[in-house]
Each structure stands twice: as C-alpha cells, then as structure tokens.
Amino acid sequence: MTSPTYQQMIFVNLPVNDLGASKKFFTELGYTINPQFSDDNAASIVISDTIVAMLLTKAFYGTFTQKEIADATKTSEVLVALSAESREKVDELVDKALAAGGSPAGQTQDLGFMYGRSFDDLDGHTWEVVWMDPAAVQG
C-alpha cells in the first residue's frame, strides 16, 4: 500500500523506428518532451504528472530486454488506454493523432456512459482514449 501523498507513476517504454518523427507526432498531440530524460536514443513524452511515454530507438530498447522486439504494425504487444475528461476531448485527441499521421484503430465505442476511440501511432502502438460518465463510476 502506498502513502496518501505518494503519486505512483507509470513509464510506458515503446520502441520506435524514427525517434524524430515520433517526437514530432506526440508534440502535435499537445504533449511535451522532458529534455532531462531525452537524448539521441530516447524521448521522454510527458502525458500528465504521473504518466510518461518513453520512446526508445529499437537499438536502445533492445538493451533492456532479451526478447525479440515486436513489430507493432503486425503484432499487438500493448494497448495503452488514456482517460479523457469528456467525449469532446476523446474526439479532439484522436482527431489530432489522425491529422499528425496516426491511423484509426478499431471502432468508436459509444455505450452512453462510456465513449472511446482508438488510434495507432506511427509505429503501430495502439492508444485508446476513453471518457466515462463520473456518475456511472460512482455507482
């Protein structure tokens, strides 16, 4: 159990083919790059105070694993789901991703109390953006 003042963070490490193109893609979505943890091998993409996507060149990513690196355009290795504060924010982020070169992934899900859309980034990693009615979450 964590203390009430501790905010646990998640660092999603993703292998990319072209670090420069991936950095451009994510900054076009409105995210920032933390230069303190970025170099020629990696880019630290700040999604929120507690979520960071670490984009790693495939060669650098390979230093952290002995497994074969998945080709996310052919194999699903992860689904990254992000919450959104409204249905409109879901559409806004996914539309930005598509305009920046991403691809649609899956069908729009509209269950009334929950709304979501997905996109694949430049390397084929699937990102789901979901809004859920706060009243439905509370019971």
C-alpha atoms as a PDB file:
ATOM      1  CA  MET A   1       0.000   0.000   0.000  1.00  0.00           C
ATOM      2  CA  THR A   2       1.269   3.498  -0.801  1.00  0.00           C
ATOM      3  CA  SER A   3       1.058   6.582   1.351  1.00  0.00           C
ATOM      4  CA  PRO A   4      -1.747   9.061   0.543  1.00  0.00           C
ATOM      5  CA  THR A   5       0.786  11.704  -0.543  1.00  0.00           C
ATOM      6  CA  TYR A   6       2.702   9.411  -2.900  1.00  0.00           C
ATOM      7  CA  GLN A   7       1.629   9.604  -6.540  1.00  0.00           C
ATOM      8  CA  GLN A   8       2.646   6.393  -8.290  1.00  0.00           C
ATOM      9  CA  MET A   9       3.822   6.993 -11.848  1.00  0.00           C
ATOM     10  CA  ILE A  10       3.816   4.874 -14.974  1.00  0.00           C
ATOM     11  CA  PHE A  11       6.553   4.980 -17.597  1.00  0.00           C
ATOM     12  CA  VAL A  12       5.429   3.215 -20.772  1.00  0.00           C
ATOM     13  CA  ASN A  13       8.533   2.268 -22.779  1.00  0.00           C
ATOM     14  CA  LEU A  14       7.887   1.906 -26.506  1.00  0.00           C
ATOM     15  CA  PRO A  15      10.336   1.026 -29.299  1.00  0.00           C
ATOM     16  CA  VAL A  16      10.184   3.386 -32.284  1.00  0.00           C
ATOM     17  CA  ASN A  17      11.621   3.306 -35.794  1.00  0.00           C
ATOM     18  CA  ASP A  18      12.218   7.037 -36.222  1.00  0.00           C
ATOM     19  CA  LEU A  19      12.700   8.927 -32.953  1.00  0.00           C
ATOM     20  CA  GLY A  20      12.476  12.350 -34.602  1.00  0.00           C
ATOM     21  CA  ALA A  21       9.197  11.546 -36.366  1.00  0.00           C
ATOM     22  CA  SER A  22       7.744  10.061 -33.177  1.00  0.00           C
ATOM     23  CA  LYS A  23       8.715  13.141 -31.144  1.00  0.00           C
ATOM     24  CA  LYS A  24       7.020  15.359 -33.736  1.00  0.00           C
ATOM     25  CA  PHE A  25       3.900  13.155 -33.696  1.00  0.00           C
ATOM     26  CA  PHE A  26       3.448  13.328 -29.917  1.00  0.00           C
ATOM     27  CA  THR A  27       4.180  17.058 -29.672  1.00  0.00           C
ATOM     28  CA  GLU A  28       1.496  17.607 -32.333  1.00  0.00           C
ATOM     29  CA  LEU A  29      -0.910  15.901 -29.921  1.00  0.00           C
ATOM     30  CA  GLY A  30      -0.074  18.618 -27.384  1.00  0.00           C
ATOM     31  CA  TYR A  31       2.361  16.664 -25.195  1.00  0.00           C
ATOM     32  CA  THR A  32       5.753  17.990 -24.135  1.00  0.00           C
ATOM     33  CA  ILE A  33       9.206  16.444 -24.139  1.00  0.00           C
ATOM     34  CA  ASN A  34      11.195  16.390 -20.912  1.00  0.00           C
ATOM     35  CA  PRO A  35      14.738  17.177 -22.133  1.00  0.00           C
ATOM     36  CA  GLN A  36      16.251  15.949 -18.853  1.00  0.00           C
ATOM     37  CA  PHE A  37      15.400  12.359 -19.814  1.00  0.00           C
ATOM     38  CA  SER A  38      15.757  12.672 -23.606  1.00  0.00           C
ATOM     39  CA  ASP A  39      18.725  12.231 -25.928  1.00  0.00           C
ATOM     40  CA  ASP A  40      19.556  10.661 -29.304  1.00  0.00           C
ATOM     41  CA  ASN A  41      18.275   7.276 -28.055  1.00  0.00           C
ATOM     42  CA  ALA A  42      15.151   8.254 -26.141  1.00  0.00           C
ATOM     43  CA  ALA A  43      12.455  10.883 -25.752  1.00  0.00           C
ATOM     44  CA  SER A  44      10.523  11.377 -22.539  1.00  0.00           C
ATOM     45  CA  ILE A  45       6.970  12.357 -23.550  1.00  0.00           C
ATOM     46  CA  VAL A  46       5.072  13.920 -20.637  1.00  0.00           C
ATOM     47  CA  ILE A  47       1.417  12.921 -20.866  1.00  0.00           C
ATOM     48  CA  SER A  48       0.481  14.005 -17.326  1.00  0.00           C
ATOM     49  CA  ASP A  49       2.092  14.463 -13.915  1.00  0.00           C
ATOM     50  CA  THR A  50       2.006  10.686 -13.444  1.00  0.00           C
ATOM     51  CA  ILE A  51       2.192   9.270 -16.996  1.00  0.00           C
ATOM     52  CA  VAL A  52       5.279   9.338 -19.215  1.00  0.00           C
ATOM     53  CA  ALA A  53       5.797   7.593 -22.547  1.00  0.00           C
ATOM     54  CA  MET A  54       9.447   6.760 -23.078  1.00  0.00           C
ATOM     55  CA  LEU A  55      10.058   6.483 -26.812  1.00  0.00           C
ATOM     56  CA  LEU A  56      13.222   4.461 -27.365  1.00  0.00           C
ATOM     57  CA  THR A  57      15.108   3.701 -30.555  1.00  0.00           C
ATOM     58  CA  LYS A  58      14.867  -0.023 -31.241  1.00  0.00           C
ATOM     59  CA  ALA A  59      18.606  -0.472 -30.645  1.00  0.00           C
ATOM     60  CA  PHE A  60      18.361   1.228 -27.241  1.00  0.00           C
ATOM     61  CA  TYR A  61      15.131  -0.597 -26.366  1.00  0.00           C
ATOM     62  CA  GLY A  62      16.953  -3.842 -27.096  1.00  0.00           C
ATOM     63  CA  THR A  63      19.392  -3.175 -24.265  1.00  0.00           C
ATOM     64  CA  PHE A  64      16.530  -3.590 -21.754  1.00  0.00           C
ATOM     65  CA  THR A  65      15.254  -6.966 -22.931  1.00  0.00           C
ATOM     66  CA  GLN A  66      16.498 -10.294 -24.187  1.00  0.00           C
ATOM     67  CA  LYS A  67      13.215 -10.874 -26.041  1.00  0.00           C
ATOM     68  CA  GLU A  68      12.550 -10.174 -29.698  1.00  0.00           C
ATOM     69  CA  ILE A  69      11.127  -6.676 -30.190  1.00  0.00           C
ATOM     70  CA  ALA A  70       7.581  -6.842 -31.541  1.00  0.00           C
ATOM     71  CA  ASP A  71       6.660  -5.133 -34.786  1.00  0.00           C
ATOM     72  CA  ALA A  72       3.577  -3.306 -33.536  1.00  0.00           C
ATOM     73  CA  THR A  73       2.289  -2.890 -37.104  1.00  0.00           C
ATOM     74  CA  LYS A  74       1.884  -6.697 -37.281  1.00  0.00           C
ATOM     75  CA  THR A  75       1.585  -7.844 -33.648  1.00  0.00           C
ATOM     76  CA  SER A  76      -0.297  -6.332 -30.730  1.00  0.00           C
ATOM     77  CA  GLU A  77       2.088  -6.050 -27.796  1.00  0.00           C
ATOM     78  CA  VAL A  78       0.284  -3.438 -25.720  1.00  0.00           C
ATOM     79  CA  LEU A  79      -2.878  -1.329 -25.638  1.00  0.00           C
ATOM     80  CA  VAL A  80      -2.255   1.985 -23.926  1.00  0.00           C
ATOM     81  CA  ALA A  81      -5.506   3.446 -22.570  1.00  0.00           C
ATOM     82  CA  LEU A  82      -5.792   7.096 -21.578  1.00  0.00           C
ATOM     83  CA  SER A  83      -8.715   8.719 -19.832  1.00  0.00           C
ATOM     84  CA  ALA A  84     -10.290  11.902 -21.169  1.00  0.00           C
ATOM     85  CA  GLU A  85     -12.362  14.462 -19.307  1.00  0.00           C
ATOM     86  CA  SER A  86     -15.188  14.497 -21.875  1.00  0.00           C
ATOM     87  CA  ARG A  87     -16.454  12.939 -25.091  1.00  0.00           C
ATOM     88  CA  GLU A  88     -15.269  16.038 -26.910  1.00  0.00           C
ATOM     89  CA  LYS A  89     -11.735  15.599 -25.510  1.00  0.00           C
ATOM     90  CA  VAL A  90     -11.722  11.991 -26.766  1.00  0.00           C
ATOM     91  CA  ASP A  91     -12.551  13.211 -30.263  1.00  0.00           C
ATOM     92  CA  GLU A  92     -10.099  16.109 -30.036  1.00  0.00           C
ATOM     93  CA  LEU A  93      -7.114  13.928 -29.124  1.00  0.00           C
ATOM     94  CA  VAL A  94      -7.886  11.163 -31.615  1.00  0.00           C
ATOM     95  CA  ASP A  95      -8.520  13.693 -34.396  1.00  0.00           C
ATOM     96  CA  LYS A  96      -5.141  15.327 -33.626  1.00  0.00           C
ATOM     97  CA  ALA A  97      -3.467  11.914 -33.767  1.00  0.00           C
ATOM     98  CA  LEU A  98      -5.020  11.138 -37.145  1.00  0.00           C
ATOM     99  CA  ALA A  99      -4.062  14.569 -38.515  1.00  0.00           C
ATOM    100  CA  ALA A 100      -0.471  14.024 -37.308  1.00  0.00           C
ATOM    101  CA  GLY A 101      -0.120  10.773 -39.269  1.00  0.00           C
ATOM    102  CA  GLY A 102      -1.659   8.195 -36.948  1.00  0.00           C
ATOM    103  CA  SER A 103      -4.139   5.586 -38.153  1.00  0.00           C
ATOM    104  CA  PRO A 104      -7.618   4.729 -36.875  1.00  0.00           C
ATOM    105  CA  ALA A 105      -7.693   1.576 -34.751  1.00  0.00           C
ATOM    106  CA  GLY A 106     -10.922  -0.243 -34.040  1.00  0.00           C
ATOM    107  CA  GLN A 107     -14.429   1.111 -33.945  1.00  0.00           C
ATOM    108  CA  THR A 108     -15.787   4.005 -31.914  1.00  0.00           C
ATOM    109  CA  GLN A 109     -17.349   2.635 -28.732  1.00  0.00           C
ATOM    110  CA  ASP A 110     -20.387   4.550 -27.510  1.00  0.00           C
ATOM    111  CA  LEU A 111     -22.174   2.910 -24.598  1.00  0.00           C
ATOM    112  CA  GLY A 112     -23.786   6.126 -23.390  1.00  0.00           C
ATOM    113  CA  PHE A 113     -21.990   6.170 -20.038  1.00  0.00           C
ATOM    114  CA  MET A 114     -18.676   5.390 -21.755  1.00  0.00           C
ATOM    115  CA  TYR A 115     -17.233   6.670 -25.026  1.00  0.00           C
ATOM    116  CA  GLY A 116     -13.950   5.735 -26.625  1.00  0.00           C
ATOM    117  CA  ARG A 117     -11.921   5.857 -29.801  1.00  0.00           C
ATOM    118  CA  SER A 118      -8.513   4.423 -30.656  1.00  0.00           C
ATOM    119  CA  PHE A 119      -5.577   5.215 -32.906  1.00  0.00           C
ATOM    120  CA  ASP A 120      -2.275   3.638 -33.837  1.00  0.00           C
ATOM    121  CA  ASP A 121       0.788   5.870 -33.574  1.00  0.00           C
ATOM    122  CA  LEU A 122       3.476   5.992 -36.275  1.00  0.00           C
ATOM    123  CA  ASP A 123       4.958   2.679 -35.088  1.00  0.00           C
ATOM    124  CA  GLY A 124       1.643   0.854 -34.769  1.00  0.00           C
ATOM    125  CA  HIS A 125       1.263   1.100 -30.979  1.00  0.00           C
ATOM    126  CA  THR A 126      -2.450   1.295 -30.180  1.00  0.00           C
ATOM    127  CA  TRP A 127      -3.689   4.118 -27.953  1.00  0.00           C
ATOM    128  CA  GLU A 128      -7.258   4.029 -26.604  1.00  0.00           C
ATOM    129  CA  VAL A 129      -8.821   7.284 -25.415  1.00  0.00           C
ATOM    130  CA  VAL A 130     -11.860   6.800 -23.178  1.00  0.00           C
ATOM    131  CA  TRP A 131     -14.354   9.014 -21.353  1.00  0.00           C
ATOM    132  CA  MET A 132     -16.588   7.547 -18.651  1.00  0.00           C
ATOM    133  CA  ASP A 133     -19.504   9.394 -17.059  1.00  0.00           C
ATOM    134  CA  PRO A 134     -18.409  10.211 -13.478  1.00  0.00           C
ATOM    135  CA  ALA A 135     -21.913   9.346 -12.208  1.00  0.00           C
ATOM    136  CA  ALA A 136     -21.547   5.835 -13.668  1.00  0.00           C
ATOM    137  CA  VAL A 137     -18.169   5.421 -11.998  1.00  0.00           C
ATOM    138  CA  GLN A 138     -19.593   6.396  -8.595  1.00  0.00           C
ATOM    139  CA  GLY A 139     -22.251   3.704  -8.838  1.00  0.00           C
END
